[in-house]
């Protein structure tokens, strides 16, 4: 089963999130964070079971930019 890992650099470690199950882990390196999130997801599934439909849906992961101040965004559009 394929699940998604979103890995982001924190202050001192990388933080990994599996959005399908809302499970989070961390590691000193990207590789360690990925290893740890896999282990955390496996433990979650072992303990809680697999929610219906998880792993069968295709997920699109992308990024987008938002403005911090609405008045600046509006003036850039005019």
N, C-alpha and C. Protein backbone atom coordinates (compact mmCIF):
# COMPACT_ATOMS: atom_id res chain seq x y z
N UNK A 1 0.85 -1.17 0.00
CA UNK A 1 0.00 0.00 0.00
C UNK A 1 0.89 1.23 0.00
N UNK A 2 0.56 2.19 -0.84
CA UNK A 2 1.32 3.44 -0.90
C UNK A 2 0.61 4.52 -0.10
N UNK A 3 1.35 5.15 0.79
CA UNK A 3 0.85 6.30 1.55
C UNK A 3 1.79 7.47 1.28
N UNK A 4 1.42 8.65 1.73
CA UNK A 4 2.18 9.86 1.47
C UNK A 4 2.96 10.28 2.69
N UNK A 5 4.18 10.75 2.47
CA UNK A 5 4.97 11.35 3.54
C UNK A 5 5.33 12.76 3.11
N UNK A 6 4.97 13.72 3.93
CA UNK A 6 5.36 15.12 3.72
C UNK A 6 6.44 15.42 4.74
N UNK A 7 7.63 15.77 4.27
CA UNK A 7 8.76 15.99 5.17
C UNK A 7 9.20 17.44 5.05
N UNK A 8 9.31 18.08 6.21
CA UNK A 8 9.64 19.51 6.26
C UNK A 8 10.75 19.73 7.27
N UNK A 9 11.68 20.59 6.95
CA UNK A 9 12.78 20.91 7.86
C UNK A 9 12.27 21.75 9.00
N UNK A 10 12.49 21.26 10.22
CA UNK A 10 12.16 22.03 11.42
C UNK A 10 13.39 22.78 11.89
N UNK A 11 13.36 23.27 13.11
CA UNK A 11 14.51 24.01 13.64
C UNK A 11 15.73 23.12 13.78
N UNK A 12 15.54 21.91 14.32
CA UNK A 12 16.68 21.02 14.56
C UNK A 12 16.54 19.67 13.87
N UNK A 13 15.32 19.31 13.46
CA UNK A 13 15.08 18.01 12.86
C UNK A 13 14.12 18.14 11.70
N UNK A 14 13.99 17.07 10.95
CA UNK A 14 12.99 17.00 9.90
C UNK A 14 11.72 16.40 10.50
N UNK A 15 10.59 16.98 10.15
CA UNK A 15 9.29 16.51 10.65
C UNK A 15 8.57 15.85 9.48
N UNK A 16 8.06 14.65 9.72
CA UNK A 16 7.37 13.89 8.68
C UNK A 16 5.90 13.71 9.07
N UNK A 17 5.02 13.90 8.09
CA UNK A 17 3.58 13.76 8.30
C UNK A 17 3.03 12.80 7.26
N UNK A 18 2.21 11.86 7.70
CA UNK A 18 1.43 11.02 6.80
C UNK A 18 0.01 11.60 6.85
N UNK A 19 -0.38 12.39 5.84
CA UNK A 19 -1.67 13.08 5.91
C UNK A 19 -2.89 12.16 5.85
N UNK A 20 -2.77 11.00 5.24
CA UNK A 20 -3.91 10.09 5.17
C UNK A 20 -4.34 9.62 6.55
N UNK A 21 -3.36 9.45 7.47
CA UNK A 21 -3.67 8.95 8.80
C UNK A 21 -3.44 9.99 9.89
N UNK A 22 -2.93 11.15 9.52
CA UNK A 22 -2.61 12.21 10.47
C UNK A 22 -1.61 11.73 11.53
N UNK A 23 -0.58 11.02 11.06
CA UNK A 23 0.49 10.51 11.92
C UNK A 23 1.73 11.34 11.65
N UNK A 24 2.44 11.72 12.72
CA UNK A 24 3.62 12.57 12.62
C UNK A 24 4.79 11.89 13.30
N UNK A 25 5.99 12.08 12.74
CA UNK A 25 7.22 11.61 13.36
C UNK A 25 8.32 12.59 12.99
N UNK A 26 9.56 12.28 13.36
CA UNK A 26 10.67 13.18 13.06
C UNK A 26 11.97 12.40 13.00
N UNK A 27 13.02 13.08 12.51
CA UNK A 27 14.34 12.48 12.46
C UNK A 27 15.38 13.54 12.19
N UNK A 28 16.62 13.22 12.49
CA UNK A 28 17.73 14.17 12.28
C UNK A 28 17.97 14.40 10.80
N UNK A 29 17.78 13.35 9.98
CA UNK A 29 17.94 13.46 8.53
C UNK A 29 16.61 13.15 7.85
N UNK A 30 16.52 13.45 6.56
CA UNK A 30 15.32 13.11 5.79
C UNK A 30 15.11 11.60 5.81
N UNK A 31 16.19 10.86 5.63
CA UNK A 31 16.10 9.40 5.61
C UNK A 31 15.59 8.86 6.94
N UNK A 32 16.09 9.41 8.04
CA UNK A 32 15.64 8.96 9.36
C UNK A 32 14.19 9.35 9.60
N UNK A 33 13.79 10.54 9.18
CA UNK A 33 12.39 10.96 9.33
C UNK A 33 11.47 10.03 8.54
N UNK A 34 11.89 9.65 7.34
CA UNK A 34 11.08 8.74 6.52
C UNK A 34 11.00 7.36 7.16
N UNK A 35 12.11 6.86 7.67
CA UNK A 35 12.12 5.56 8.37
C UNK A 35 11.21 5.61 9.59
N UNK A 36 11.27 6.71 10.34
CA UNK A 36 10.47 6.84 11.56
C UNK A 36 8.98 6.99 11.26
N UNK A 37 8.62 7.71 10.19
CA UNK A 37 7.20 7.86 9.87
C UNK A 37 6.64 6.52 9.40
N UNK A 38 7.45 5.76 8.67
CA UNK A 38 7.00 4.42 8.23
C UNK A 38 6.73 3.54 9.46
N UNK A 39 7.64 3.56 10.41
CA UNK A 39 7.45 2.77 11.63
C UNK A 39 6.23 3.24 12.42
N UNK A 40 6.05 4.56 12.52
CA UNK A 40 4.91 5.11 13.26
C UNK A 40 3.60 4.73 12.58
N UNK A 41 3.56 4.77 11.25
CA UNK A 41 2.34 4.39 10.51
C UNK A 41 2.05 2.90 10.71
N UNK A 42 3.09 2.07 10.65
CA UNK A 42 2.88 0.64 10.86
C UNK A 42 2.33 0.36 12.25
N UNK A 43 2.85 1.05 13.26
CA UNK A 43 2.34 0.89 14.62
C UNK A 43 0.90 1.39 14.74
N UNK A 44 0.60 2.51 14.09
CA UNK A 44 -0.75 3.05 14.10
C UNK A 44 -1.73 2.03 13.51
N UNK A 45 -1.37 1.48 12.35
CA UNK A 45 -2.26 0.52 11.69
C UNK A 45 -2.42 -0.74 12.53
N UNK A 46 -1.33 -1.18 13.14
CA UNK A 46 -1.38 -2.36 14.00
C UNK A 46 -2.32 -2.14 15.19
N UNK A 47 -2.27 -0.96 15.76
CA UNK A 47 -3.05 -0.65 16.96
C UNK A 47 -4.49 -0.24 16.64
N UNK A 48 -4.66 0.62 15.64
CA UNK A 48 -5.97 1.21 15.35
C UNK A 48 -6.69 0.57 14.18
N UNK A 49 -5.96 -0.17 13.35
CA UNK A 49 -6.54 -0.71 12.13
C UNK A 49 -6.45 0.32 11.02
N UNK A 50 -6.74 -0.11 9.84
CA UNK A 50 -6.67 0.76 8.67
C UNK A 50 -8.05 1.35 8.40
N UNK A 51 -8.19 2.67 8.44
CA UNK A 51 -9.49 3.29 8.13
C UNK A 51 -9.95 2.91 6.72
N UNK A 52 -11.24 2.81 6.55
CA UNK A 52 -11.81 2.43 5.26
C UNK A 52 -11.40 3.42 4.16
N UNK A 53 -10.98 2.88 3.04
CA UNK A 53 -10.64 3.71 1.88
C UNK A 53 -9.22 4.23 1.87
N UNK A 54 -8.47 4.09 2.95
CA UNK A 54 -7.10 4.60 3.00
C UNK A 54 -6.22 3.74 2.11
N UNK A 55 -5.39 4.41 1.34
CA UNK A 55 -4.45 3.72 0.47
C UNK A 55 -5.04 3.34 -0.88
N UNK A 56 -6.33 3.52 -1.06
CA UNK A 56 -6.95 3.19 -2.34
C UNK A 56 -7.20 4.44 -3.18
N UNK A 57 -7.09 5.60 -2.55
CA UNK A 57 -7.34 6.85 -3.26
C UNK A 57 -6.01 7.46 -3.70
N UNK A 58 -5.99 8.01 -4.90
CA UNK A 58 -4.80 8.70 -5.38
C UNK A 58 -4.76 10.08 -4.74
N UNK A 59 -3.57 10.48 -4.29
CA UNK A 59 -3.43 11.78 -3.65
C UNK A 59 -2.51 12.67 -4.48
N UNK A 60 -2.86 13.92 -4.60
CA UNK A 60 -2.03 14.92 -5.27
C UNK A 60 -1.44 15.81 -4.19
N UNK A 61 -0.12 15.92 -4.18
CA UNK A 61 0.55 16.80 -3.23
C UNK A 61 1.19 17.92 -4.03
N UNK A 62 0.88 19.16 -3.67
CA UNK A 62 1.41 20.32 -4.37
C UNK A 62 1.66 21.44 -3.38
N UNK A 63 2.16 22.53 -3.85
CA UNK A 63 2.33 23.70 -2.98
C UNK A 63 1.72 24.91 -3.66
N UNK A 64 1.39 25.91 -2.87
CA UNK A 64 0.84 27.15 -3.40
C UNK A 64 1.24 28.28 -2.47
N UNK A 65 1.21 29.49 -3.00
CA UNK A 65 1.61 30.66 -2.25
C UNK A 65 0.38 31.45 -1.81
N UNK A 66 0.39 31.93 -0.59
CA UNK A 66 -0.67 32.81 -0.12
C UNK A 66 -0.04 34.10 0.38
N UNK A 67 -0.81 35.16 0.33
CA UNK A 67 -0.33 36.45 0.82
C UNK A 67 -0.55 36.53 2.33
N UNK A 68 0.38 37.16 3.00
CA UNK A 68 0.25 37.32 4.45
C UNK A 68 -0.67 38.47 4.81
N UNK A 69 -0.76 39.46 3.94
CA UNK A 69 -1.57 40.64 4.23
C UNK A 69 -2.52 40.87 3.05
N UNK A 70 -3.80 40.77 3.30
CA UNK A 70 -4.80 40.84 2.23
C UNK A 70 -4.71 42.14 1.43
N UNK A 71 -4.44 43.26 2.09
CA UNK A 71 -4.40 44.54 1.36
C UNK A 71 -3.26 44.58 0.34
N UNK A 72 -2.17 43.90 0.62
CA UNK A 72 -1.06 43.83 -0.33
C UNK A 72 -1.46 42.97 -1.53
N UNK A 73 -2.13 41.87 -1.27
CA UNK A 73 -2.58 40.97 -2.36
C UNK A 73 -3.54 41.68 -3.28
N UNK A 74 -4.47 42.42 -2.73
CA UNK A 74 -5.47 43.12 -3.53
C UNK A 74 -4.79 44.16 -4.41
N UNK A 75 -3.83 44.91 -3.87
CA UNK A 75 -3.16 45.95 -4.66
C UNK A 75 -2.31 45.33 -5.76
N UNK A 76 -1.79 44.11 -5.57
CA UNK A 76 -1.02 43.45 -6.62
C UNK A 76 -1.90 42.96 -7.76
N UNK A 77 -3.17 42.74 -7.51
CA UNK A 77 -4.08 42.28 -8.53
C UNK A 77 -4.59 43.42 -9.42
N UNK A 78 -4.52 44.64 -8.94
CA UNK A 78 -5.08 45.77 -9.70
C UNK A 78 -4.12 46.31 -10.71
